[in-house]
Protein backbone atom coordinates (compact mmCIF):
# COMPACT_ATOMS: atom_id res chain seq x y z
CA MET A 1 126.43 -52.35 4.88
CA LYS A 2 130.25 -52.50 4.72
CA THR A 3 132.25 -55.15 5.57
CA GLY A 4 135.92 -55.52 6.60
CA PHE A 5 137.98 -54.71 9.97
CA PHE A 6 139.03 -51.44 11.46
CA TYR A 7 142.32 -51.92 12.85
CA VAL A 8 143.50 -49.73 15.96
CA TYR A 9 147.53 -50.59 16.45
CA ILE A 10 150.28 -49.99 18.62
CA LEU A 11 153.84 -49.43 16.61
CA ARG A 12 157.11 -49.64 18.79
CA SER A 13 159.96 -47.96 17.31
CA GLU A 14 163.09 -50.65 16.53
CA GLY A 15 165.75 -48.51 16.50
CA GLU A 16 164.50 -46.74 19.68
CA PRO A 17 162.26 -49.09 21.77
CA LEU A 18 161.11 -47.06 24.29
CA HIS A 19 159.36 -44.92 21.17
CA PHE A 20 155.92 -45.65 20.12
CA TYR A 21 153.11 -44.78 18.23
CA THR A 22 149.21 -45.46 18.39
CA GLY A 23 147.19 -45.55 15.30
CA PHE A 24 143.48 -46.42 12.83
CA THR A 25 143.96 -47.46 9.92
CA LYS A 26 141.41 -50.21 7.96
CA ASN A 27 144.26 -51.78 5.76
CA MET A 28 147.22 -52.49 8.31
CA GLU A 29 149.50 -53.82 6.38
CA ALA A 30 149.85 -50.77 3.82
CA ARG A 31 149.79 -48.56 7.07
CA LEU A 32 153.03 -50.28 8.53
CA VAL A 33 154.51 -50.11 4.87
CA HIS A 34 153.14 -46.07 4.76
CA HIS A 35 154.88 -45.65 8.44
CA ASN A 36 158.39 -47.43 7.62
CA TYR A 37 158.84 -45.15 4.15
CA GLY A 38 158.56 -42.27 6.45
CA GLY A 39 154.86 -41.55 5.02
CA ASP A 40 153.76 -39.86 8.29
CA PRO A 41 155.94 -37.20 9.69
CA HIS A 42 155.49 -38.30 13.30
CA THR A 43 156.80 -41.62 12.68
CA ALA A 44 159.50 -40.80 10.20
CA LYS A 45 162.26 -40.03 12.28
CA HIS A 46 162.06 -43.68 14.31
CA ARG A 47 161.89 -45.77 11.55
CA PRO A 48 161.65 -48.45 11.35
CA TRP A 49 158.43 -49.54 13.04
CA ARG A 50 157.27 -52.75 14.06
CA ILE A 51 153.42 -53.74 14.80
CA LYS A 52 153.51 -54.19 18.95
CA THR A 53 149.85 -54.45 18.91
CA ALA A 54 147.19 -54.15 16.58
CA ILE A 55 142.97 -54.91 17.74
CA ALA A 56 140.59 -55.47 14.82
CA PHE A 57 137.06 -53.77 15.33
CA THR A 58 134.02 -54.16 13.23
CA ASP A 59 132.34 -51.07 14.41
CA ARG A 60 134.70 -47.43 12.60
CA GLU A 61 132.96 -45.39 15.39
CA GLN A 62 134.20 -48.08 17.88
CA ALA A 63 137.82 -48.33 16.84
CA LEU A 64 138.09 -44.54 16.58
CA ALA A 65 137.03 -44.30 19.97
CA PHE A 66 139.51 -46.36 21.65
CA GLU A 67 142.09 -45.23 19.29
CA ARG A 68 140.76 -41.57 21.47
CA TYR A 69 141.17 -43.50 24.74
CA LEU A 70 144.86 -45.10 24.01
CA LYS A 71 146.19 -41.62 23.52
CA SER A 72 145.00 -40.59 26.61
CA PRO A 73 146.52 -39.95 29.72
CA SER A 74 144.64 -42.88 31.29
CA GLY A 75 144.85 -44.94 27.92
CA ARG A 76 148.55 -44.89 27.82
CA ALA A 77 148.95 -46.10 31.33
CA PHE A 78 146.50 -49.19 30.22
CA ALA A 79 148.33 -49.90 26.91
CA LYS A 80 151.75 -49.70 28.99
CA LYS A 81 150.58 -52.42 31.35
CA ARG A 82 148.08 -54.28 28.94
CA LEU A 83 149.30 -54.48 25.80
């Protein structure tokens, strides 16, 4: 059995505060560095990023399912209102 956490996160662009990005990772700190150095084409043009919300899961499949939900229209509405 593998241990550790899986993170679903929402980033907010510092330069464009209305621009957000939702993702999944095993290493939150390394992933934020990756986004801020332009390592992801979806986030490179909106740097720098800051973590708005990060939720830790012990189950990888639950984390991935929650990420998919947050990327859906109802999930985006939920995140905007609650996260």
